Amino acid sequence: QNNKSKKILIFIIVFILVFVIVMAVLNVYNKSVSTPPEE
């Protein structure tokens, strides 16, 4: 049961990290698309 709980906790942590990274990448991409060059 302890091992199972640890695995679930690790999975949740990894999922959160992946989600944060994906959102950060999308945010950078959207800014690059929506902002025209100055000259």
Full PDB file with SEQRES, HELIX, SHEET, SSBOND, CRYST1, ORIGX, SCALE, CONECT and MASTER records, all heavy atoms in Angstrom:
SEQRES   1 A   39  GLN ASN ASN LYS SER LYS LYS ILE LEU ILE PHE ILE ILE          
SEQRES   2 A   39  VAL PHE ILE LEU VAL PHE VAL ILE VAL MET ALA VAL LEU          
SEQRES   3 A   39  ASN VAL TYR ASN LYS SER VAL SER THR PRO PRO GLU GLU          
HELIX    1 AA1 ASN A    2  SER A   34  1                                  33    
CRYST1    1.000    1.000    1.000  90.00  90.00  90.00 P 1           1          
ORIGX1      1.000000  0.000000  0.000000        0.00000                         
ORIGX2      0.000000  1.000000  0.000000        0.00000                         
ORIGX3      0.000000  0.000000  1.000000        0.00000                         
SCALE1      1.000000  0.000000  0.000000        0.00000                         
SCALE2      0.000000  1.000000  0.000000        0.00000                         
SCALE3      0.000000  0.000000  1.000000        0.00000                         
ATOM      1  N   GLN A   1       0.827  -1.201   0.000  1.00  0.00           N  
ATOM      2  CA  GLN A   1       0.000   0.000   0.000  1.00  0.00           C  
ATOM      3  C   GLN A   1       0.870   1.264   0.000  1.00  0.00           C  
ATOM      4  O   GLN A   1       0.587   2.240  -0.701  1.00  0.00           O  
ATOM      5  CB  GLN A   1      -0.933  -0.003   1.213  1.00  0.00           C  
ATOM      6  CG  GLN A   1      -2.052  -1.031   1.108  1.00  0.00           C  
ATOM      7  CD  GLN A   1      -2.896  -1.086   2.367  1.00  0.00           C  
ATOM      8  OE1 GLN A   1      -2.466  -0.619   3.428  1.00  0.00           O  
ATOM      9  NE2 GLN A   1      -4.081  -1.674   2.264  1.00  0.00           N  
ATOM     10  N   ASN A   2       1.954   1.213   0.811  1.00  0.00           N  
ATOM     11  CA  ASN A   2       2.868   2.363   0.844  1.00  0.00           C  
ATOM     12  C   ASN A   2       3.525   2.598  -0.508  1.00  0.00           C  
ATOM     13  O   ASN A   2       3.657   3.739  -0.974  1.00  0.00           O  
ATOM     14  CB  ASN A   2       3.941   2.146   1.914  1.00  0.00           C  
ATOM     15  CG  ASN A   2       3.381   2.276   3.325  1.00  0.00           C  
ATOM     16  OD1 ASN A   2       2.336   2.899   3.524  1.00  0.00           O  
ATOM     17  ND2 ASN A   2       4.061   1.684   4.305  1.00  0.00           N  
ATOM     18  N   ASN A   3       3.965   1.493  -1.145  1.00  0.00           N  
ATOM     19  CA  ASN A   3       4.584   1.613  -2.472  1.00  0.00           C  
ATOM     20  C   ASN A   3       3.613   2.179  -3.492  1.00  0.00           C  
ATOM     21  O   ASN A   3       3.973   2.995  -4.336  1.00  0.00           O  
ATOM     22  CB  ASN A   3       5.105   0.252  -2.937  1.00  0.00           C  
ATOM     23  CG  ASN A   3       6.332  -0.197  -2.149  1.00  0.00           C  
ATOM     24  OD1 ASN A   3       7.037   0.634  -1.580  1.00  0.00           O  
ATOM     25  ND2 ASN A   3       6.560  -1.500  -2.096  1.00  0.00           N  
ATOM     26  N   LYS A   4       2.373   1.727  -3.402  1.00  0.00           N  
ATOM     27  CA  LYS A   4       1.347   2.206  -4.329  1.00  0.00           C  
ATOM     28  C   LYS A   4       1.099   3.697  -4.124  1.00  0.00           C  
ATOM     29  O   LYS A   4       0.989   4.470  -5.080  1.00  0.00           O  
ATOM     30  CB  LYS A   4       0.062   1.418  -4.133  1.00  0.00           C  
ATOM     31  CG  LYS A   4      -1.033   1.768  -5.131  1.00  0.00           C  
ATOM     32  CD  LYS A   4      -2.249   0.881  -4.942  1.00  0.00           C  
ATOM     33  CE  LYS A   4      -3.329   1.211  -5.969  1.00  0.00           C  
ATOM     34  NZ  LYS A   4      -4.527   0.369  -5.787  1.00  0.00           N  
ATOM     35  N   SER A   5       1.049   4.116  -2.855  1.00  0.00           N  
ATOM     36  CA  SER A   5       0.843   5.529  -2.544  1.00  0.00           C  
ATOM     37  C   SER A   5       2.002   6.374  -3.057  1.00  0.00           C  
ATOM     38  O   SER A   5       1.809   7.465  -3.601  1.00  0.00           O  
ATOM     39  CB  SER A   5       0.682   5.727  -1.030  1.00  0.00           C  
ATOM     40  OG  SER A   5      -0.452   5.047  -0.554  1.00  0.00           O  
ATOM     41  N   LYS A   6       3.229   5.839  -2.872  1.00  0.00           N  
ATOM     42  CA  LYS A   6       4.397   6.567  -3.364  1.00  0.00           C  
ATOM     43  C   LYS A   6       4.348   6.723  -4.886  1.00  0.00           C  
ATOM     44  O   LYS A   6       4.663   7.773  -5.429  1.00  0.00           O  
ATOM     45  CB  LYS A   6       5.675   5.847  -2.959  1.00  0.00           C  
ATOM     46  CG  LYS A   6       5.987   5.954  -1.469  1.00  0.00           C  
ATOM     47  CD  LYS A   6       7.261   5.187  -1.139  1.00  0.00           C  
ATOM     48  CE  LYS A   6       7.574   5.273   0.360  1.00  0.00           C  
ATOM     49  NZ  LYS A   6       8.779   4.500   0.718  1.00  0.00           N  
ATOM     50  N   LYS A   7       3.976   5.642  -5.568  1.00  0.00           N  
ATOM     51  CA  LYS A   7       3.898   5.679  -7.019  1.00  0.00           C  
ATOM     52  C   LYS A   7       2.860   6.708  -7.483  1.00  0.00           C  
ATOM     53  O   LYS A   7       3.083   7.463  -8.435  1.00  0.00           O  
ATOM     54  CB  LYS A   7       3.557   4.311  -7.587  1.00  0.00           C  
ATOM     55  CG  LYS A   7       4.701   3.295  -7.459  1.00  0.00           C  
ATOM     56  CD  LYS A   7       4.288   1.943  -8.019  1.00  0.00           C  
ATOM     57  CE  LYS A   7       5.438   0.927  -7.905  1.00  0.00           C  
ATOM     58  NZ  LYS A   7       5.046  -0.391  -8.416  1.00  0.00           N  
ATOM     59  N   ILE A   8       1.707   6.724  -6.788  1.00  0.00           N  
ATOM     60  CA  ILE A   8       0.664   7.693  -7.140  1.00  0.00           C  
ATOM     61  C   ILE A   8       1.163   9.112  -6.921  1.00  0.00           C  
ATOM     62  O   ILE A   8       0.949  10.011  -7.754  1.00  0.00           O  
ATOM     63  CB  ILE A   8      -0.615   7.433  -6.314  1.00  0.00           C  
ATOM     64  CG1 ILE A   8      -1.244   6.088  -6.736  1.00  0.00           C  
ATOM     65  CG2 ILE A   8      -1.622   8.572  -6.492  1.00  0.00           C  
ATOM     66  CD1 ILE A   8      -2.400   5.667  -5.868  1.00  0.00           C  
ATOM     67  N   LEU A   9       1.846   9.338  -5.796  1.00  0.00           N  
ATOM     68  CA  LEU A   9       2.379  10.665  -5.485  1.00  0.00           C  
ATOM     69  C   LEU A   9       3.406  11.106  -6.524  1.00  0.00           C  
ATOM     70  O   LEU A   9       3.386  12.251  -7.003  1.00  0.00           O  
ATOM     71  CB  LEU A   9       3.011  10.665  -4.091  1.00  0.00           C  
ATOM     72  CG  LEU A   9       3.598  12.010  -3.625  1.00  0.00           C  
ATOM     73  CD1 LEU A   9       2.493  13.071  -3.582  1.00  0.00           C  
ATOM     74  CD2 LEU A   9       4.243  11.852  -2.258  1.00  0.00           C  
ATOM     75  N   ILE A  10       4.295  10.184  -6.902  1.00  0.00           N  
ATOM     76  CA  ILE A  10       5.312  10.486  -7.920  1.00  0.00           C  
ATOM     77  C   ILE A  10       4.645  10.824  -9.256  1.00  0.00           C  
ATOM     78  O   ILE A  10       5.025  11.763  -9.950  1.00  0.00           O  
ATOM     79  CB  ILE A  10       6.298   9.311  -8.079  1.00  0.00           C  
ATOM     80  CG1 ILE A  10       7.168   9.178  -6.814  1.00  0.00           C  
ATOM     81  CG2 ILE A  10       7.185   9.511  -9.309  1.00  0.00           C  
ATOM     82  CD1 ILE A  10       8.018   7.928  -6.791  1.00  0.00           C  
ATOM     83  N   PHE A  11       3.614  10.048  -9.621  1.00  0.00           N  
ATOM     84  CA  PHE A  11       2.895  10.281 -10.866  1.00  0.00           C  
ATOM     85  C   PHE A  11       2.264  11.671 -10.875  1.00  0.00           C  
ATOM     86  O   PHE A  11       2.338  12.402 -11.869  1.00  0.00           O  
ATOM     87  CB  PHE A  11       1.806   9.214 -11.054  1.00  0.00           C  
ATOM     88  CG  PHE A  11       0.927   9.465 -12.250  1.00  0.00           C  
ATOM     89  CD1 PHE A  11       1.352   9.136 -13.536  1.00  0.00           C  
ATOM     90  CD2 PHE A  11      -0.323  10.054 -12.088  1.00  0.00           C  
ATOM     91  CE1 PHE A  11       0.547   9.385 -14.635  1.00  0.00           C  
ATOM     92  CE2 PHE A  11      -1.123  10.291 -13.182  1.00  0.00           C  
ATOM     93  CZ  PHE A  11      -0.694   9.957 -14.457  1.00  0.00           C  
ATOM     94  N   ILE A  12       1.649  12.037  -9.722  1.00  0.00           N  
ATOM     95  CA  ILE A  12       1.002  13.351  -9.636  1.00  0.00           C  
ATOM     96  C   ILE A  12       2.028  14.461  -9.785  1.00  0.00           C  
ATOM     97  O   ILE A  12       1.815  15.440 -10.503  1.00  0.00           O  
ATOM     98  CB  ILE A  12       0.246  13.486  -8.302  1.00  0.00           C  
ATOM     99  CG1 ILE A  12      -0.965  12.520  -8.280  1.00  0.00           C  
ATOM    100  CG2 ILE A  12      -0.225  14.927  -8.086  1.00  0.00           C  
ATOM    101  CD1 ILE A  12      -1.665  12.446  -6.952  1.00  0.00           C  
ATOM    102  N   ILE A  13       3.173  14.303  -9.116  1.00  0.00           N  
ATOM    103  CA  ILE A  13       4.226  15.327  -9.192  1.00  0.00           C  
ATOM    104  C   ILE A  13       4.735  15.459 -10.620  1.00  0.00           C  
ATOM    105  O   ILE A  13       4.900  16.568 -11.148  1.00  0.00           O  
ATOM    106  CB  ILE A  13       5.382  14.978  -8.232  1.00  0.00           C  
ATOM    107  CG1 ILE A  13       4.900  15.107  -6.779  1.00  0.00           C  
ATOM    108  CG2 ILE A  13       6.582  15.901  -8.480  1.00  0.00           C  
ATOM    109  CD1 ILE A  13       5.909  14.604  -5.760  1.00  0.00           C  
ATOM    110  N   VAL A  14       5.009  14.326 -11.281  1.00  0.00           N  
ATOM    111  CA  VAL A  14       5.498  14.351 -12.665  1.00  0.00           C  
ATOM    112  C   VAL A  14       4.460  14.989 -13.582  1.00  0.00           C  
ATOM    113  O   VAL A  14       4.795  15.803 -14.453  1.00  0.00           O  
ATOM    114  CB  VAL A  14       5.844  12.923 -13.139  1.00  0.00           C  
ATOM    115  CG1 VAL A  14       6.137  12.917 -14.639  1.00  0.00           C  
ATOM    116  CG2 VAL A  14       7.040  12.379 -12.368  1.00  0.00           C  
ATOM    117  N   PHE A  15       3.184  14.644 -13.387  1.00  0.00           N  
ATOM    118  CA  PHE A  15       2.112  15.207 -14.210  1.00  0.00           C  
ATOM    119  C   PHE A  15       2.056  16.727 -14.075  1.00  0.00           C  
ATOM    120  O   PHE A  15       1.943  17.452 -15.066  1.00  0.00           O  
ATOM    121  CB  PHE A  15       0.768  14.600 -13.808  1.00  0.00           C  
ATOM    122  CG  PHE A  15      -0.406  15.164 -14.559  1.00  0.00           C  
ATOM    123  CD1 PHE A  15      -0.708  14.739 -15.852  1.00  0.00           C  
ATOM    124  CD2 PHE A  15      -1.190  16.155 -13.988  1.00  0.00           C  
ATOM    125  CE1 PHE A  15      -1.780  15.270 -16.540  1.00  0.00           C  
ATOM    126  CE2 PHE A  15      -2.263  16.695 -14.684  1.00  0.00           C  
ATOM    127  CZ  PHE A  15      -2.555  16.242 -15.956  1.00  0.00           C  
ATOM    128  N   ILE A  16       2.164  17.204 -12.822  1.00  0.00           N  
ATOM    129  CA  ILE A  16       2.120  18.646 -12.586  1.00  0.00           C  
ATOM    130  C   ILE A  16       3.302  19.338 -13.263  1.00  0.00           C  
ATOM    131  O   ILE A  16       3.155  20.384 -13.901  1.00  0.00           O  
ATOM    132  CB  ILE A  16       2.102  18.952 -11.071  1.00  0.00           C  
ATOM    133  CG1 ILE A  16       0.767  18.487 -10.464  1.00  0.00           C  
ATOM    134  CG2 ILE A  16       2.315  20.448 -10.810  1.00  0.00           C  
ATOM    135  CD1 ILE A  16       0.716  18.569  -8.959  1.00  0.00           C  
ATOM    136  N   LEU A  17       4.491  18.745 -13.139  1.00  0.00           N  
ATOM    137  CA  LEU A  17       5.679  19.327 -13.765  1.00  0.00           C  
ATOM    138  C   LEU A  17       5.537  19.396 -15.278  1.00  0.00           C  
ATOM    139  O   LEU A  17       5.854  20.415 -15.905  1.00  0.00           O  
ATOM    140  CB  LEU A  17       6.926  18.515 -13.389  1.00  0.00           C  
ATOM    141  CG  LEU A  17       7.422  18.665 -11.946  1.00  0.00           C  
ATOM    142  CD1 LEU A  17       8.559  17.686 -11.687  1.00  0.00           C  
ATOM    143  CD2 LEU A  17       7.885  20.090 -11.685  1.00  0.00           C  
ATOM    144  N   VAL A  18       5.054  18.310 -15.883  1.00  0.00           N  
ATOM    145  CA  VAL A  18       4.859  18.276 -17.333  1.00  0.00           C  
ATOM    146  C   VAL A  18       3.839  19.328 -17.751  1.00  0.00           C  
ATOM    147  O   VAL A  18       4.021  20.052 -18.731  1.00  0.00           O  
ATOM    148  CB  VAL A  18       4.416  16.872 -17.795  1.00  0.00           C  
ATOM    149  CG1 VAL A  18       3.996  16.902 -19.274  1.00  0.00           C  
ATOM    150  CG2 VAL A  18       5.537  15.865 -17.587  1.00  0.00           C  
ATOM    151  N   PHE A  19       2.737  19.443 -16.984  1.00  0.00           N  
ATOM    152  CA  PHE A  19       1.693  20.417 -17.291  1.00  0.00           C  
ATOM    153  C   PHE A  19       2.239  21.841 -17.246  1.00  0.00           C  
ATOM    154  O   PHE A  19       1.987  22.656 -18.139  1.00  0.00           O  
ATOM    155  CB  PHE A  19       0.543  20.267 -16.292  1.00  0.00           C  
ATOM    156  CG  PHE A  19      -0.580  21.250 -16.501  1.00  0.00           C  
ATOM    157  CD1 PHE A  19      -1.512  21.068 -17.513  1.00  0.00           C  
ATOM    158  CD2 PHE A  19      -0.678  22.376 -15.699  1.00  0.00           C  
ATOM    159  CE1 PHE A  19      -2.531  21.973 -17.704  1.00  0.00           C  
ATOM    160  CE2 PHE A  19      -1.695  23.293 -15.894  1.00  0.00           C  
ATOM    161  CZ  PHE A  19      -2.627  23.085 -16.899  1.00  0.00           C  
ATOM    162  N   VAL A  20       3.018  22.148 -16.211  1.00  0.00           N  
ATOM    163  CA  VAL A  20       3.600  23.482 -16.065  1.00  0.00           C  
ATOM    164  C   VAL A  20       4.542  23.798 -17.230  1.00  0.00           C  
ATOM    165  O   VAL A  20       4.524  24.889 -17.797  1.00  0.00           O  
ATOM    166  CB  VAL A  20       4.350  23.608 -14.716  1.00  0.00           C  
ATOM    167  CG1 VAL A  20       5.157  24.909 -14.679  1.00  0.00           C  
ATOM    168  CG2 VAL A  20       3.375  23.565 -13.558  1.00  0.00           C  
ATOM    169  N   ILE A  21       5.369  22.812 -17.610  1.00  0.00           N  
ATOM    170  CA  ILE A  21       6.310  23.020 -18.716  1.00  0.00           C  
ATOM    171  C   ILE A  21       5.566  23.263 -20.028  1.00  0.00           C  
ATOM    172  O   ILE A  21       5.899  24.159 -20.806  1.00  0.00           O  
ATOM    173  CB  ILE A  21       7.268  21.811 -18.845  1.00  0.00           C  
ATOM    174  CG1 ILE A  21       8.207  21.749 -17.630  1.00  0.00           C  
ATOM    175  CG2 ILE A  21       8.086  21.901 -20.135  1.00  0.00           C  
ATOM    176  CD1 ILE A  21       9.029  20.483 -17.558  1.00  0.00           C  
ATOM    177  N   VAL A  22       4.531  22.447 -20.286  1.00  0.00           N  
ATOM    178  CA  VAL A  22       3.745  22.592 -21.520  1.00  0.00           C  
ATOM    179  C   VAL A  22       3.091  23.961 -21.575  1.00  0.00           C  
ATOM    180  O   VAL A  22       3.106  24.646 -22.604  1.00  0.00           O  
ATOM    181  CB  VAL A  22       2.688  21.471 -21.623  1.00  0.00           C  
ATOM    182  CG1 VAL A  22       1.712  21.776 -22.761  1.00  0.00           C  
ATOM    183  CG2 VAL A  22       3.357  20.124 -21.862  1.00  0.00           C  
ATOM    184  N   MET A  23       2.504  24.411 -20.471  1.00  0.00           N  
ATOM    185  CA  MET A  23       1.838  25.712 -20.449  1.00  0.00           C  
ATOM    186  C   MET A  23       2.841  26.835 -20.666  1.00  0.00           C  
ATOM    187  O   MET A  23       2.561  27.823 -21.344  1.00  0.00           O  
ATOM    188  CB  MET A  23       1.110  25.907 -19.106  1.00  0.00           C  
ATOM    189  CG  MET A  23      -0.094  24.993 -18.922  1.00  0.00           C  
ATOM    190  SD  MET A  23      -1.318  25.146 -20.268  1.00  0.00           S  
ATOM    191  CE  MET A  23      -1.871  26.809 -19.984  1.00  0.00           C  
ATOM    192  N   ALA A  24       4.036  26.697 -20.092  1.00  0.00           N  
ATOM    193  CA  ALA A  24       5.068  27.719 -20.276  1.00  0.00           C  
ATOM    194  C   ALA A  24       5.487  27.808 -21.740  1.00  0.00           C  
ATOM    195  O   ALA A  24       5.652  28.900 -22.299  1.00  0.00           O  
ATOM    196  CB  ALA A  24       6.272  27.416 -19.388  1.00  0.00           C  
ATOM    197  N   VAL A  25       5.671  26.657 -22.384  1.00  0.00           N  
ATOM    198  CA  VAL A  25       6.057  26.628 -23.803  1.00  0.00           C  
ATOM    199  C   VAL A  25       4.969  27.245 -24.668  1.00  0.00           C  
ATOM    200  O   VAL A  25       5.249  28.035 -25.577  1.00  0.00           O  
ATOM    201  CB  VAL A  25       6.353  25.179 -24.252  1.00  0.00           C  
ATOM    202  CG1 VAL A  25       6.540  25.120 -25.765  1.00  0.00           C  
ATOM    203  CG2 VAL A  25       7.601  24.650 -23.558  1.00  0.00           C  
ATOM    204  N   LEU A  26       3.694  26.909 -24.401  1.00  0.00           N  
ATOM    205  CA  LEU A  26       2.588  27.469 -25.163  1.00  0.00           C  
ATOM    206  C   LEU A  26       2.506  28.977 -24.992  1.00  0.00           C  
ATOM    207  O   LEU A  26       2.215  29.709 -25.939  1.00  0.00           O  
ATOM    208  CB  LEU A  26       1.263  26.822 -24.722  1.00  0.00           C  
ATOM    209  CG  LEU A  26       1.031  25.385 -25.186  1.00  0.00           C  
ATOM    210  CD1 LEU A  26      -0.247  24.832 -24.584  1.00  0.00           C  
ATOM    211  CD2 LEU A  26       0.977  25.294 -26.704  1.00  0.00           C  
ATOM    212  N   ASN A  27       2.754  29.461 -23.795  1.00  0.00           N  
ATOM    213  CA  ASN A  27       2.710  30.890 -23.518  1.00  0.00           C  
ATOM    214  C   ASN A  27       3.773  31.633 -24.326  1.00  0.00           C  
ATOM    215  O   ASN A  27       3.516  32.674 -24.932  1.00  0.00           O  
ATOM    216  CB  ASN A  27       2.919  31.136 -22.026  1.00  0.00           C  
ATOM    217  CG  ASN A  27       2.726  32.594 -21.653  1.00  0.00           C  
ATOM    218  OD1 ASN A  27       1.750  33.217 -22.052  1.00  0.00           O  
ATOM    219  ND2 ASN A  27       3.656  33.134 -20.899  1.00  0.00           N  
ATOM    220  N   VAL A  28       4.987  31.090 -24.351  1.00  0.00           N  
ATOM    221  CA  VAL A  28       6.069  31.700 -25.126  1.00  0.00           C  
ATOM    222  C   VAL A  28       5.737  31.693 -26.608  1.00  0.00           C  
ATOM    223  O   VAL A  28       5.944  32.666 -27.329  1.00  0.00           O  
ATOM    224  CB  VAL A  28       7.401  30.960 -24.875  1.00  0.00           C  
ATOM    225  CG1 VAL A  28       8.476  31.453 -25.837  1.00  0.00           C  
ATOM    226  CG2 VAL A  28       7.844  31.152 -23.439  1.00  0.00           C  
ATOM    227  N   TYR A  29       5.180  30.562 -27.109  1.00  0.00           N  
ATOM    228  CA  TYR A  29       4.825  30.454 -28.528  1.00  0.00           C  
ATOM    229  C   TYR A  29       3.750  31.472 -28.908  1.00  0.00           C  
ATOM    230  O   TYR A  29       3.853  32.146 -29.923  1.00  0.00           O  
ATOM    231  CB  TYR A  29       4.331  29.050 -28.831  1.00  0.00           C  
ATOM    232  CG  TYR A  29       3.787  28.887 -30.235  1.00  0.00           C  
ATOM    233  CD1 TYR A  29       4.639  28.795 -31.331  1.00  0.00           C  
ATOM    234  CD2 TYR A  29       2.415  28.851 -30.457  1.00  0.00           C  
ATOM    235  CE1 TYR A  29       4.148  28.669 -32.607  1.00  0.00           C  
ATOM    236  CE2 TYR A  29       1.917  28.720 -31.735  1.00  0.00           C  
ATOM    237  CZ  TYR A  29       2.786  28.626 -32.807  1.00  0.00           C  
ATOM    238  OH  TYR A  29       2.282  28.506 -34.068  1.00  0.00           O  
ATOM    239  N   ASN A  30       2.706  31.594 -28.076  1.00  0.00           N  
ATOM    240  CA  ASN A  30       1.621  32.523 -28.369  1.00  0.00           C  
ATOM    241  C   ASN A  30       2.112  33.963 -28.422  1.00  0.00           C  
ATOM    242  O   ASN A  30       1.682  34.759 -29.257  1.00  0.00           O  
ATOM    243  CB  ASN A  30       0.511  32.394 -27.317  1.00  0.00           C  
ATOM    244  CG  ASN A  30      -0.262  31.092 -27.464  1.00  0.00           C  
ATOM    245  OD1 ASN A  30      -0.324  30.536 -28.551  1.00  0.00           O  
ATOM    246  ND2 ASN A  30      -0.835  30.602 -26.384  1.00  0.00           N  
ATOM    247  N   LYS A  31       3.042  34.312 -27.526  1.00  0.00           N  
ATOM    248  CA  LYS A  31       3.586  35.668 -27.536  1.00  0.00           C  
ATOM    249  C   LYS A  31       4.383  35.928 -28.802  1.00  0.00           C  
ATOM    250  O   LYS A  31       4.313  36.995 -29.392  1.00  0.00           O  
ATOM    251  CB  LYS A  31       4.475  35.883 -26.310  1.00  0.00           C  
ATOM    252  CG  LYS A  31       3.694  36.077 -25.015  1.00  0.00           C  
ATOM    253  CD  LYS A  31       4.635  36.378 -23.862  1.00  0.00           C  
ATOM    254  CE  LYS A  31       3.846  36.621 -22.590  1.00  0.00           C  
ATOM    255  NZ  LYS A  31       4.749  36.917 -21.446  1.00  0.00           N  
ATOM    256  N   SER A  32       5.144  34.913 -29.235  1.00  0.00           N  
ATOM    257  CA  SER A  32       5.966  35.088 -30.442  1.00  0.00           C  
ATOM    258  C   SER A  32       5.102  35.230 -31.677  1.00  0.00           C  
ATOM    259  O   SER A  32       5.451  35.927 -32.623  1.00  0.00           O  
ATOM    260  CB  SER A  32       6.918  33.898 -30.607  1.00  0.00           C  
ATOM    261  OG  SER A  32       6.196  32.716 -30.889  1.00  0.00           O  
ATOM    262  N   VAL A  33       3.931  34.573 -31.695  1.00  0.00           N  
ATOM    263  CA  VAL A  33       3.032  34.656 -32.854  1.00  0.00           C  
ATOM    264  C   VAL A  33       2.275  35.965 -32.871  1.00  0.00           C  
ATOM    265  O   VAL A  33       2.093  36.591 -33.905  1.00  0.00           O  
ATOM    266  CB  VAL A  33       2.040  33.467 -32.846  1.00  0.00           C  
ATOM    267  CG1 VAL A  33       0.975  33.652 -33.919  1.00  0.00           C  
ATOM    268  CG2 VAL A  33       2.784  32.166 -33.079  1.00  0.00           C  
ATOM    269  N   SER A  34       1.819  36.432 -31.704  1.00  0.00           N  
ATOM    270  CA  SER A  34       0.954  37.600 -31.645  1.00  0.00           C  
ATOM    271  C   SER A  34       1.706  38.914 -31.674  1.00  0.00           C  
ATOM    272  O   SER A  34       1.137  39.949 -31.978  1.00  0.00           O  
ATOM    273  CB  SER A  34       0.101  37.544 -30.373  1.00  0.00           C  
ATOM    274  OG  SER A  34       0.931  37.546 -29.216  1.00  0.00           O  
ATOM    275  N   THR A  35       3.000  38.932 -31.385  1.00  0.00           N  
ATOM    276  CA  THR A  35       3.767  40.176 -31.338  1.00  0.00           C  
ATOM    277  C   THR A  35       4.535  40.378 -32.630  1.00  0.00           C  
ATOM    278  O   THR A  35       5.432  39.615 -32.938  1.00  0.00           O  
ATOM    279  CB  THR A  35       4.759  40.150 -30.152  1.00  0.00           C  
ATOM    280  OG1 THR A  35       4.036  39.898 -28.949  1.00  0.00           O  
ATOM    281  CG2 THR A  35       5.487  41.501 -30.064  1.00  0.00           C  
ATOM    282  N   PRO A  36       4.180  41.400 -33.447  1.00  0.00           N  
ATOM    283  CA  PRO A  36       4.901  41.629 -34.705  1.00  0.00           C  
ATOM    284  C   PRO A  36       6.250  42.249 -34.449  1.00  0.00           C  
ATOM    285  O   PRO A  36       6.460  42.898 -33.431  1.00  0.00           O  
ATOM    286  CB  PRO A  36       3.980  42.622 -35.441  1.00  0.00           C  
ATOM    287  CG  PRO A  36       3.272  43.338 -34.342  1.00  0.00           C  
ATOM    288  CD  PRO A  36       3.114  42.352 -33.221  1.00  0.00           C  
ATOM    289  N   PRO A  37       7.201  42.053 -35.359  1.00  0.00           N  
ATOM    290  CA  PRO A  37       8.501  42.688 -35.202  1.00  0.00           C  
ATOM    291  C   PRO A  37       8.385  44.198 -35.302  1.00  0.00           C  
ATOM    292  O   PRO A  37       7.489  44.716 -35.959  1.00  0.00           O  
ATOM    293  CB  PRO A  37       9.315  42.115 -36.368  1.00  0.00           C  
ATOM    294  CG  PRO A  37       8.301  41.656 -37.353  1.00  0.00           C  
ATOM    295  CD  PRO A  37       7.092  41.234 -36.560  1.00  0.00           C  
ATOM    296  N   GLU A  38       9.296  44.911 -34.669  1.00  0.00           N  
ATOM    297  CA  GLU A  38       9.206  46.365 -34.602  1.00  0.00           C  
ATOM    298  C   GLU A  38       9.530  47.021 -35.940  1.00  0.00           C  
ATOM    299  O   GLU A  38       8.942  48.007 -36.316  1.00  0.00           O  
ATOM    300  CB  GLU A  38      10.149  46.886 -33.516  1.00  0.00           C  
ATOM    301  CG  GLU A  38       9.707  46.476 -32.115  1.00  0.00           C  
ATOM    302  CD  GLU A  38      10.635  47.018 -31.058  1.00  0.00           C  
ATOM    303  OE1 GLU A  38      11.617  47.700 -31.418  1.00  0.00           O  
ATOM    304  OE2 GLU A  38      10.396  46.769 -29.870  1.00  0.00           O  
ATOM    305  N   GLU A  39      10.476  46.504 -36.677  1.00  0.00           N  
ATOM    306  CA  GLU A  39      10.876  47.080 -37.955  1.00  0.00           C  
ATOM    307  C   GLU A  39      10.852  45.996 -39.020  1.00  0.00           C  
ATOM    308  O   GLU A  39      11.788  45.232 -39.167  1.00  0.00           O  
ATOM    309  CB  GLU A  39      12.286  47.681 -37.858  1.00  0.00           C  
ATOM    310  CG  GLU A  39      12.352  48.962 -37.041  1.00  0.00           C  
ATOM    311  CD  GLU A  39      11.719  50.129 -37.769  1.00  0.00           C  
ATOM    312  OE1 GLU A  39      11.738  50.134 -39.011  1.00  0.00           O  
ATOM    313  OE2 GLU A  39      11.206  51.021 -37.093  1.00  0.00           O  
TER     314      GLU A  39                                                      
MASTER        0    0    0    1    0    0    0    6  313    1    0    3          
END                                                                             
